[in-house]
């Protein structure tokens, strides 16, 4: 139910915030606490999503093989798993600092809230983006409990990045979502408009990542990395079109996983 790739999108951005706030290599303790917290909250969110969507997933041909649908995992086990992940997350945040502990409850509530949004708003992609956008903020607050301009700019960069590729991913379910009266940009606005909005999101992604690097005073290596990331985003939109959506999964998992890792590496090298 929970795979390692479910964490790979957000974890490098959390490490970016951690390294930036530490102005270099962080101590081992905050690094471990952040890692545990990020994996726990991502697992919490994914398991909560699977549990509340079990009826929807059972009707969708693409998701009928998920463990909760097939009975491989029970709802009782999943609920227990959700509770354990939530407790681990709160405890990890408690051991960071007071602000992280106070915000941990909001983070849990917001990550759970996303799973409900597709039932009433097509902005669900942007809510998901804001959930993962908390990663660089979380990394920063882990060692420096104050909201700073670079962390906020990276929050918006991740928000638009995730919203853009989630809209692309949702194109696979546009007919099902429309029939099930679920809200998503592809289902509500059609394929062409969805691709345009996704492109707009990724233009904003590049802008905010650029501004975040400038605000953080990063060196030229980071900006070269940002240019490479921009090229990957352009390629992502080149391999997907209204006439050929066969490579959506390749763009979703392979290319976007590379983007998060690249930006983290570029940030570390630029410090």
C-alpha atoms as a PDB file:
ATOM      1  CA  UNK A   1       0.000   0.000   0.000  1.00  0.00           C
ATOM      2  CA  UNK A   2       2.852   2.381   0.802  1.00  0.00           C
ATOM      3  CA  UNK A   3       5.844   2.381  -1.542  1.00  0.00           C
ATOM      4  CA  UNK A   4       9.183   4.154  -1.228  1.00  0.00           C
ATOM      5  CA  UNK A   5       8.426   6.261  -4.304  1.00  0.00           C
ATOM      6  CA  UNK A   6       5.532   7.808  -2.389  1.00  0.00           C
ATOM      7  CA  UNK A   7       8.119   9.594  -0.227  1.00  0.00           C
ATOM      8  CA  UNK A   8      10.718  10.391  -2.879  1.00  0.00           C
ATOM      9  CA  UNK A   9       8.784  13.380  -4.221  1.00  0.00           C
ATOM     10  CA  UNK A  10       8.712  15.315  -0.938  1.00  0.00           C
ATOM     11  CA  UNK A  11      11.701  14.054   1.052  1.00  0.00           C
ATOM     12  CA  UNK A  12      14.441  15.769  -1.034  1.00  0.00           C
ATOM     13  CA  UNK A  13      12.627  19.093  -0.629  1.00  0.00           C
ATOM     14  CA  UNK A  14      12.483  18.598   3.132  1.00  0.00           C
ATOM     15  CA  UNK A  15      16.226  17.994   3.078  1.00  0.00           C
ATOM     16  CA  UNK A  16      16.653  21.167   1.006  1.00  0.00           C
ATOM     17  CA  UNK A  17      14.982  23.192   3.753  1.00  0.00           C
ATOM     18  CA  UNK A  18      17.061  21.422   6.394  1.00  0.00           C
ATOM     19  CA  UNK A  19      20.395  22.042   4.658  1.00  0.00           C
ATOM     20  CA  UNK A  20      19.523  25.658   3.854  1.00  0.00           C
ATOM     21  CA  UNK A  21      18.452  26.461   7.427  1.00  0.00           C
ATOM     22  CA  UNK A  22      21.600  24.736   8.727  1.00  0.00           C
ATOM     23  CA  UNK A  23      23.728  26.678   6.211  1.00  0.00           C
ATOM     24  CA  UNK A  24      25.456  23.430   5.326  1.00  0.00           C
ATOM     25  CA  UNK A  25      25.437  19.898   6.635  1.00  0.00           C
ATOM     26  CA  UNK A  26      22.944  19.500   9.505  1.00  0.00           C
ATOM     27  CA  UNK A  27      23.504  17.563  12.691  1.00  0.00           C
ATOM     28  CA  UNK A  28      22.505  13.911  12.657  1.00  0.00           C
ATOM     29  CA  UNK A  29      19.647  14.271  15.148  1.00  0.00           C
ATOM     30  CA  UNK A  30      17.497  16.762  13.178  1.00  0.00           C
ATOM     31  CA  UNK A  31      18.278  14.835   9.982  1.00  0.00           C
ATOM     32  CA  UNK A  32      16.950  11.598  11.477  1.00  0.00           C
ATOM     33  CA  UNK A  33      13.950  13.283  13.106  1.00  0.00           C
ATOM     34  CA  UNK A  34      13.002  14.951   9.839  1.00  0.00           C
ATOM     35  CA  UNK A  35      13.365  11.708   7.903  1.00  0.00           C
ATOM     36  CA  UNK A  36      11.157   9.802  10.334  1.00  0.00           C
ATOM     37  CA  UNK A  37       8.573  12.599  10.400  1.00  0.00           C
ATOM     38  CA  UNK A  38       8.394  12.912   6.599  1.00  0.00           C
ATOM     39  CA  UNK A  39       8.036   9.180   5.974  1.00  0.00           C
ATOM     40  CA  UNK A  40       5.443   8.921   8.755  1.00  0.00           C
ATOM     41  CA  UNK A  41       3.263  11.793   7.550  1.00  0.00           C
ATOM     42  CA  UNK A  42       3.478  10.684   3.913  1.00  0.00           C
ATOM     43  CA  UNK A  43       2.487   7.133   4.919  1.00  0.00           C
ATOM     44  CA  UNK A  44      -0.326   8.573   7.060  1.00  0.00           C
ATOM     45  CA  UNK A  45      -1.654  10.596   4.137  1.00  0.00           C
ATOM     46  CA  UNK A  46      -1.431   7.745   1.620  1.00  0.00           C
ATOM     47  CA  UNK A  47      -3.095   5.232   3.951  1.00  0.00           C
ATOM     48  CA  UNK A  48      -5.851   7.723   4.845  1.00  0.00           C
ATOM     49  CA  UNK A  49      -6.424   8.344   1.145  1.00  0.00           C
ATOM     50  CA  UNK A  50      -6.696   4.620   0.411  1.00  0.00           C
ATOM     51  CA  UNK A  51      -9.119   4.111   3.303  1.00  0.00           C
ATOM     52  CA  UNK A  52     -11.544   6.933   2.545  1.00  0.00           C
ATOM     53  CA  UNK A  53     -11.407   6.190  -1.200  1.00  0.00           C
ATOM     54  CA  UNK A  54     -11.971   2.444  -0.955  1.00  0.00           C
ATOM     55  CA  UNK A  55     -15.422   2.604  -2.557  1.00  0.00           C
ATOM     56  CA  UNK A  56     -14.188   4.828  -5.371  1.00  0.00           C
ATOM     57  CA  UNK A  57     -11.087   2.693  -5.942  1.00  0.00           C
ATOM     58  CA  UNK A  58     -13.202  -0.450  -6.159  1.00  0.00           C
ATOM     59  CA  UNK A  59     -15.141   1.048  -9.092  1.00  0.00           C
ATOM     60  CA  UNK A  60     -12.155   2.447 -10.994  1.00  0.00           C
ATOM     61  CA  UNK A  61     -10.521  -0.127 -13.325  1.00  0.00           C
ATOM     62  CA  UNK A  62      -7.105   1.494 -12.742  1.00  0.00           C
ATOM     63  CA  UNK A  63      -7.250   1.084  -8.941  1.00  0.00           C
ATOM     64  CA  UNK A  64      -9.142  -2.180  -8.453  1.00  0.00           C
ATOM     65  CA  UNK A  65      -5.945  -4.075  -7.636  1.00  0.00           C
ATOM     66  CA  UNK A  66      -5.031  -1.925  -4.627  1.00  0.00           C
ATOM     67  CA  UNK A  67      -4.569  -4.036  -1.455  1.00  0.00           C
ATOM     68  CA  UNK A  68      -7.534  -2.550   0.412  1.00  0.00           C
ATOM     69  CA  UNK A  69      -9.825  -3.206  -2.535  1.00  0.00           C
ATOM     70  CA  UNK A  70      -8.691  -6.800  -3.054  1.00  0.00           C
ATOM     71  CA  UNK A  71      -8.874  -7.573   0.665  1.00  0.00           C
ATOM     72  CA  UNK A  72      -5.147  -8.175   0.989  1.00  0.00           C
ATOM     73  CA  UNK A  73      -5.225  -5.526   3.710  1.00  0.00           C
ATOM     74  CA  UNK A  74      -8.180  -4.905   6.003  1.00  0.00           C
ATOM     75  CA  UNK A  75      -9.758  -1.581   6.897  1.00  0.00           C
ATOM     76  CA  UNK A  76      -9.026  -2.306  10.569  1.00  0.00           C
ATOM     77  CA  UNK A  77      -5.328  -2.844   9.903  1.00  0.00           C
ATOM     78  CA  UNK A  78      -5.176   0.306   7.781  1.00  0.00           C
ATOM     79  CA  UNK A  79      -6.856   2.396  10.455  1.00  0.00           C
ATOM     80  CA  UNK A  80      -4.352   1.132  13.007  1.00  0.00           C
ATOM     81  CA  UNK A  81      -1.513   1.899  10.596  1.00  0.00           C
ATOM     82  CA  UNK A  82      -2.826   5.460  10.201  1.00  0.00           C
ATOM     83  CA  UNK A  83      -2.931   5.978  13.971  1.00  0.00           C
ATOM     84  CA  UNK A  84       0.608   4.622  14.439  1.00  0.00           C
ATOM     85  CA  UNK A  85       1.982   6.868  11.664  1.00  0.00           C
ATOM     86  CA  UNK A  86       0.254   9.898  13.187  1.00  0.00           C
ATOM     87  CA  UNK A  87       1.733   9.197  16.622  1.00  0.00           C
ATOM     88  CA  UNK A  88       5.231   8.676  15.198  1.00  0.00           C
ATOM     89  CA  UNK A  89       4.944  11.953  13.292  1.00  0.00           C
ATOM     90  CA  UNK A  90       3.816  13.975  16.309  1.00  0.00           C
ATOM     91  CA  UNK A  91       6.526  12.471  18.523  1.00  0.00           C
ATOM     92  CA  UNK A  92       9.201  13.249  15.927  1.00  0.00           C
ATOM     93  CA  UNK A  93       7.975  16.845  15.650  1.00  0.00           C
ATOM     94  CA  UNK A  94       7.846  17.170  19.453  1.00  0.00           C
ATOM     95  CA  UNK A  95      11.525  16.306  19.587  1.00  0.00           C
ATOM     96  CA  UNK A  96      12.382  18.989  17.006  1.00  0.00           C
ATOM     97  CA  UNK A  97      11.065  22.107  18.740  1.00  0.00           C
ATOM     98  CA  UNK A  98       7.887  23.613  20.156  1.00  0.00           C
ATOM     99  CA  UNK A  99       6.753  25.235  16.901  1.00  0.00           C
ATOM    100  CA  UNK A 100       7.098  21.987  14.941  1.00  0.00           C
ATOM    101  CA  UNK A 101       5.113  20.178  17.621  1.00  0.00           C
ATOM    102  CA  UNK A 102       2.316  22.756  17.526  1.00  0.00           C
ATOM    103  CA  UNK A 103       2.154  22.665  13.731  1.00  0.00           C
ATOM    104  CA  UNK A 104       2.258  18.863  13.549  1.00  0.00           C
ATOM    105  CA  UNK A 105      -1.477  18.578  14.212  1.00  0.00           C
ATOM    106  CA  UNK A 106      -2.280  21.038  11.434  1.00  0.00           C
ATOM    107  CA  UNK A 107       0.011  19.128   9.065  1.00  0.00           C
ATOM    108  CA  UNK A 108      -1.821  15.874   9.798  1.00  0.00           C
ATOM    109  CA  UNK A 109      -5.242  17.476   9.361  1.00  0.00           C
ATOM    110  CA  UNK A 110      -4.271  19.202   6.127  1.00  0.00           C
ATOM    111  CA  UNK A 111      -2.713  16.075   4.608  1.00  0.00           C
ATOM    112  CA  UNK A 112      -5.893  14.134   5.430  1.00  0.00           C
ATOM    113  CA  UNK A 113      -8.158  16.920   4.148  1.00  0.00           C
ATOM    114  CA  UNK A 114      -6.700  16.589   0.644  1.00  0.00           C
ATOM    115  CA  UNK A 115      -8.311  13.172   0.206  1.00  0.00           C
ATOM    116  CA  UNK A 116     -11.766  14.724   0.579  1.00  0.00           C
ATOM    117  CA  UNK A 117     -11.323  17.678  -1.769  1.00  0.00           C
ATOM    118  CA  UNK A 118     -11.939  15.888  -5.074  1.00  0.00           C
ATOM    119  CA  UNK A 119     -15.490  15.385  -3.883  1.00  0.00           C
ATOM    120  CA  UNK A 120     -16.278  19.103  -4.038  1.00  0.00           C
ATOM    121  CA  UNK A 121     -13.575  21.175  -5.802  1.00  0.00           C
ATOM    122  CA  UNK A 122     -11.337  20.954  -8.839  1.00  0.00           C
ATOM    123  CA  UNK A 123      -8.709  22.797  -6.813  1.00  0.00           C
ATOM    124  CA  UNK A 124      -7.880  19.409  -5.260  1.00  0.00           C
ATOM    125  CA  UNK A 125      -4.613  19.306  -7.238  1.00  0.00           C
ATOM    126  CA  UNK A 126      -3.484  22.549  -5.625  1.00  0.00           C
ATOM    127  CA  UNK A 127      -4.432  21.312  -2.163  1.00  0.00           C
ATOM    128  CA  UNK A 128      -2.223  18.262  -2.779  1.00  0.00           C
ATOM    129  CA  UNK A 129       0.495  20.630  -3.962  1.00  0.00           C
ATOM    130  CA  UNK A 130       0.227  22.614  -0.739  1.00  0.00           C
ATOM    131  CA  UNK A 131       0.556  19.405   1.302  1.00  0.00           C
ATOM    132  CA  UNK A 132       3.835  18.452  -0.361  1.00  0.00           C
ATOM    133  CA  UNK A 133       4.821  22.117  -0.416  1.00  0.00           C
ATOM    134  CA  UNK A 134       5.077  21.939   3.362  1.00  0.00           C
ATOM    135  CA  UNK A 135       8.197  19.759   2.923  1.00  0.00           C
ATOM    136  CA  UNK A 136      10.790  22.562   2.473  1.00  0.00           C
ATOM    137  CA  UNK A 137       9.066  24.546   5.223  1.00  0.00           C
ATOM    138  CA  UNK A 138       9.198  21.530   7.523  1.00  0.00           C
ATOM    139  CA  UNK A 139      12.881  21.003   6.818  1.00  0.00           C
ATOM    140  CA  UNK A 140      13.637  24.649   7.588  1.00  0.00           C
ATOM    141  CA  UNK A 141      11.528  24.784  10.753  1.00  0.00           C
ATOM    142  CA  UNK A 142      13.151  21.600  12.003  1.00  0.00           C
ATOM    143  CA  UNK A 143      16.336  23.532  12.842  1.00  0.00           C
ATOM    144  CA  UNK A 144      15.246  27.185  12.579  1.00  0.00           C
ATOM    145  CA  UNK A 145      11.689  27.644  13.937  1.00  0.00           C
ATOM    146  CA  UNK A 146      10.725  30.748  11.967  1.00  0.00           C
ATOM    147  CA  UNK A 147       9.085  31.357   8.609  1.00  0.00           C
ATOM    148  CA  UNK A 148      11.579  32.770   6.115  1.00  0.00           C
ATOM    149  CA  UNK A 149      11.263  34.060   2.556  1.00  0.00           C
ATOM    150  CA  UNK A 150      13.333  31.276   0.903  1.00  0.00           C
ATOM    151  CA  UNK A 151      11.283  28.553   2.601  1.00  0.00           C
ATOM    152  CA  UNK A 152       8.011  30.215   1.560  1.00  0.00           C
ATOM    153  CA  UNK A 153       9.178  30.608  -2.046  1.00  0.00           C
ATOM    154  CA  UNK A 154      10.174  26.940  -2.178  1.00  0.00           C
ATOM    155  CA  UNK A 155       6.754  26.087  -0.722  1.00  0.00           C
ATOM    156  CA  UNK A 156       5.079  27.721  -3.709  1.00  0.00           C
ATOM    157  CA  UNK A 157       7.550  26.129  -6.117  1.00  0.00           C
ATOM    158  CA  UNK A 158       6.668  22.666  -4.846  1.00  0.00           C
ATOM    159  CA  UNK A 159       2.945  23.528  -4.731  1.00  0.00           C
ATOM    160  CA  UNK A 160       2.815  24.401  -8.438  1.00  0.00           C
ATOM    161  CA  UNK A 161       5.150  21.531  -9.374  1.00  0.00           C
ATOM    162  CA  UNK A 162       2.932  18.941  -7.697  1.00  0.00           C
ATOM    163  CA  UNK A 163      -0.322  20.510  -8.917  1.00  0.00           C
ATOM    164  CA  UNK A 164       1.026  20.484 -12.471  1.00  0.00           C
ATOM    165  CA  UNK A 165       1.997  16.838 -12.551  1.00  0.00           C
ATOM    166  CA  UNK A 166      -1.070  15.750 -10.557  1.00  0.00           C
ATOM    167  CA  UNK A 167      -3.281  17.331 -13.211  1.00  0.00           C
ATOM    168  CA  UNK A 168      -1.381  15.312 -15.821  1.00  0.00           C
ATOM    169  CA  UNK A 169      -1.800  12.145 -13.778  1.00  0.00           C
ATOM    170  CA  UNK A 170      -5.534  12.804 -13.351  1.00  0.00           C
ATOM    171  CA  UNK A 171      -6.040  12.793 -17.117  1.00  0.00           C
ATOM    172  CA  UNK A 172      -6.035   8.985 -16.900  1.00  0.00           C
ATOM    173  CA  UNK A 173      -9.222   9.053 -14.819  1.00  0.00           C
ATOM    174  CA  UNK A 174     -11.036  11.953 -16.463  1.00  0.00           C
ATOM    175  CA  UNK A 175     -13.867   9.820 -17.899  1.00  0.00           C
ATOM    176  CA  UNK A 176     -14.298   7.847 -14.685  1.00  0.00           C
ATOM    177  CA  UNK A 177     -14.188  11.003 -12.543  1.00  0.00           C
ATOM    178  CA  UNK A 178     -16.782  12.677 -14.725  1.00  0.00           C
ATOM    179  CA  UNK A 179     -19.106   9.682 -14.473  1.00  0.00           C
ATOM    180  CA  UNK A 180     -18.574   9.413 -10.711  1.00  0.00           C
ATOM    181  CA  UNK A 181     -19.141  13.191 -10.317  1.00  0.00           C
ATOM    182  CA  UNK A 182     -15.675  13.695  -8.882  1.00  0.00           C
ATOM    183  CA  UNK A 183     -13.920  17.007  -9.311  1.00  0.00           C
ATOM    184  CA  UNK A 184     -10.617  17.249 -11.136  1.00  0.00           C
ATOM    185  CA  UNK A 185      -9.338  19.699 -13.710  1.00  0.00           C
ATOM    186  CA  UNK A 186      -9.343  17.129 -16.571  1.00  0.00           C
ATOM    187  CA  UNK A 187     -12.845  15.898 -15.684  1.00  0.00           C
ATOM    188  CA  UNK A 188     -14.333  19.379 -15.243  1.00  0.00           C
ATOM    189  CA  UNK A 189     -12.520  21.354 -17.947  1.00  0.00           C
ATOM    190  CA  UNK A 190     -11.445  18.768 -20.497  1.00  0.00           C
ATOM    191  CA  UNK A 191      -8.102  17.459 -21.676  1.00  0.00           C
ATOM    192  CA  UNK A 192      -6.850  20.476 -23.643  1.00  0.00           C
ATOM    193  CA  UNK A 193      -7.500  22.967 -20.842  1.00  0.00           C
ATOM    194  CA  UNK A 194      -5.999  20.564 -18.301  1.00  0.00           C
ATOM    195  CA  UNK A 195      -2.757  20.374 -20.277  1.00  0.00           C
ATOM    196  CA  UNK A 196      -2.668  24.178 -20.556  1.00  0.00           C
ATOM    197  CA  UNK A 197      -3.193  24.645 -16.805  1.00  0.00           C
ATOM    198  CA  UNK A 198      -0.528  22.039 -16.069  1.00  0.00           C
ATOM    199  CA  UNK A 199       1.907  23.940 -18.286  1.00  0.00           C
ATOM    200  CA  UNK A 200       1.037  27.200 -16.499  1.00  0.00           C
ATOM    201  CA  UNK A 201       1.717  25.492 -13.152  1.00  0.00           C
ATOM    202  CA  UNK A 202       5.155  24.347 -14.249  1.00  0.00           C
ATOM    203  CA  UNK A 203       6.067  27.798 -15.551  1.00  0.00           C
ATOM    204  CA  UNK A 204       5.292  29.058 -12.042  1.00  0.00           C
ATOM    205  CA  UNK A 205       7.356  26.198 -10.637  1.00  0.00           C
ATOM    206  CA  UNK A 206      10.451  27.346 -12.494  1.00  0.00           C
ATOM    207  CA  UNK A 207       9.893  30.966 -11.429  1.00  0.00           C
ATOM    208  CA  UNK A 208       9.486  30.148  -7.727  1.00  0.00           C
ATOM    209  CA  UNK A 209      12.467  27.786  -7.665  1.00  0.00           C
ATOM    210  CA  UNK A 210      14.539  30.533  -9.262  1.00  0.00           C
ATOM    211  CA  UNK A 211      13.312  33.135  -6.755  1.00  0.00           C
ATOM    212  CA  UNK A 212      13.870  30.715  -3.874  1.00  0.00           C
ATOM    213  CA  UNK A 213      17.486  30.218  -4.896  1.00  0.00           C
ATOM    214  CA  UNK A 214      18.040  33.967  -5.170  1.00  0.00           C
ATOM    215  CA  UNK A 215      16.453  34.615  -1.764  1.00  0.00           C
ATOM    216  CA  UNK A 216      18.614  31.893  -0.208  1.00  0.00           C
ATOM    217  CA  UNK A 217      21.765  33.321  -1.788  1.00  0.00           C
ATOM    218  CA  UNK A 218      22.650  30.070  -3.523  1.00  0.00           C
ATOM    219  CA  UNK A 219      25.545  29.815  -5.964  1.00  0.00           C
ATOM    220  CA  UNK A 220      25.697  29.220  -9.704  1.00  0.00           C
ATOM    221  CA  UNK A 221      25.489  25.428  -9.404  1.00  0.00           C
ATOM    222  CA  UNK A 222      21.936  25.716  -8.103  1.00  0.00           C
ATOM    223  CA  UNK A 223      20.848  27.888 -11.021  1.00  0.00           C
ATOM    224  CA  UNK A 224      22.378  25.491 -13.540  1.00  0.00           C
ATOM    225  CA  UNK A 225      20.417  22.744 -11.813  1.00  0.00           C
ATOM    226  CA  UNK A 226      17.265  24.854 -12.003  1.00  0.00           C
ATOM    227  CA  UNK A 227      17.820  25.291 -15.740  1.00  0.00           C
ATOM    228  CA  UNK A 228      18.143  21.506 -16.117  1.00  0.00           C
ATOM    229  CA  UNK A 229      14.938  21.045 -14.131  1.00  0.00           C
ATOM    230  CA  UNK A 230      13.226  23.542 -16.426  1.00  0.00           C
ATOM    231  CA  UNK A 231      14.393  21.481 -19.396  1.00  0.00           C
ATOM    232  CA  UNK A 232      12.974  18.313 -17.834  1.00  0.00           C
ATOM    233  CA  UNK A 233       9.631  20.027 -17.280  1.00  0.00           C
ATOM    234  CA  UNK A 234       9.573  21.150 -20.912  1.00  0.00           C
ATOM    235  CA  UNK A 235      10.382  17.578 -22.021  1.00  0.00           C
ATOM    236  CA  UNK A 236       7.622  16.265 -19.741  1.00  0.00           C
ATOM    237  CA  UNK A 237       5.091  18.371 -21.599  1.00  0.00           C
ATOM    238  CA  UNK A 238       6.559  17.411 -24.966  1.00  0.00           C
ATOM    239  CA  UNK A 239       6.071  13.675 -24.426  1.00  0.00           C
ATOM    240  CA  UNK A 240       2.429  14.166 -23.412  1.00  0.00           C
ATOM    241  CA  UNK A 241      -0.233  15.592 -25.679  1.00  0.00           C
ATOM    242  CA  UNK A 242      -3.974  15.437 -26.108  1.00  0.00           C
ATOM    243  CA  UNK A 243      -3.382  12.935 -28.931  1.00  0.00           C
ATOM    244  CA  UNK A 244      -0.970  10.707 -26.978  1.00  0.00           C
ATOM    245  CA  UNK A 245      -1.313  10.225 -23.218  1.00  0.00           C
ATOM    246  CA  UNK A 246       0.460   6.854 -23.163  1.00  0.00           C
ATOM    247  CA  UNK A 247       3.535   8.194 -21.357  1.00  0.00           C
ATOM    248  CA  UNK A 248       1.781   9.819 -18.402  1.00  0.00           C
ATOM    249  CA  UNK A 249       3.152   7.308 -15.893  1.00  0.00           C
ATOM    250  CA  UNK A 250       6.692   7.766 -17.197  1.00  0.00           C
ATOM    251  CA  UNK A 251       6.383  11.526 -16.786  1.00  0.00           C
ATOM    252  CA  UNK A 252       4.730  11.198 -13.370  1.00  0.00           C
ATOM    253  CA  UNK A 253       7.135   8.815 -11.652  1.00  0.00           C
ATOM    254  CA  UNK A 254      10.451   8.826 -13.515  1.00  0.00           C
ATOM    255  CA  UNK A 255      10.834  12.481 -14.515  1.00  0.00           C
ATOM    256  CA  UNK A 256       9.367  14.029 -11.380  1.00  0.00           C
ATOM    257  CA  UNK A 257      11.401  11.784  -9.107  1.00  0.00           C
ATOM    258  CA  UNK A 258      14.527  13.013 -10.904  1.00  0.00           C
ATOM    259  CA  UNK A 259      13.483  16.653 -10.436  1.00  0.00           C
ATOM    260  CA  UNK A 260      13.253  16.528  -6.644  1.00  0.00           C
ATOM    261  CA  UNK A 261      16.565  14.709  -6.256  1.00  0.00           C
ATOM    262  CA  UNK A 262      18.322  17.015  -8.732  1.00  0.00           C
ATOM    263  CA  UNK A 263      17.212  20.162  -6.910  1.00  0.00           C
ATOM    264  CA  UNK A 264      18.363  18.772  -3.593  1.00  0.00           C
ATOM    265  CA  UNK A 265      21.783  17.837  -4.956  1.00  0.00           C
ATOM    266  CA  UNK A 266      22.100  21.213  -6.689  1.00  0.00           C
ATOM    267  CA  UNK A 267      21.220  22.989  -3.445  1.00  0.00           C
ATOM    268  CA  UNK A 268      23.797  21.068  -1.399  1.00  0.00           C
ATOM    269  CA  UNK A 269      26.532  21.694  -3.964  1.00  0.00           C
ATOM    270  CA  UNK A 270      25.660  25.398  -4.107  1.00  0.00           C
ATOM    271  CA  UNK A 271      25.884  25.994  -0.357  1.00  0.00           C
END
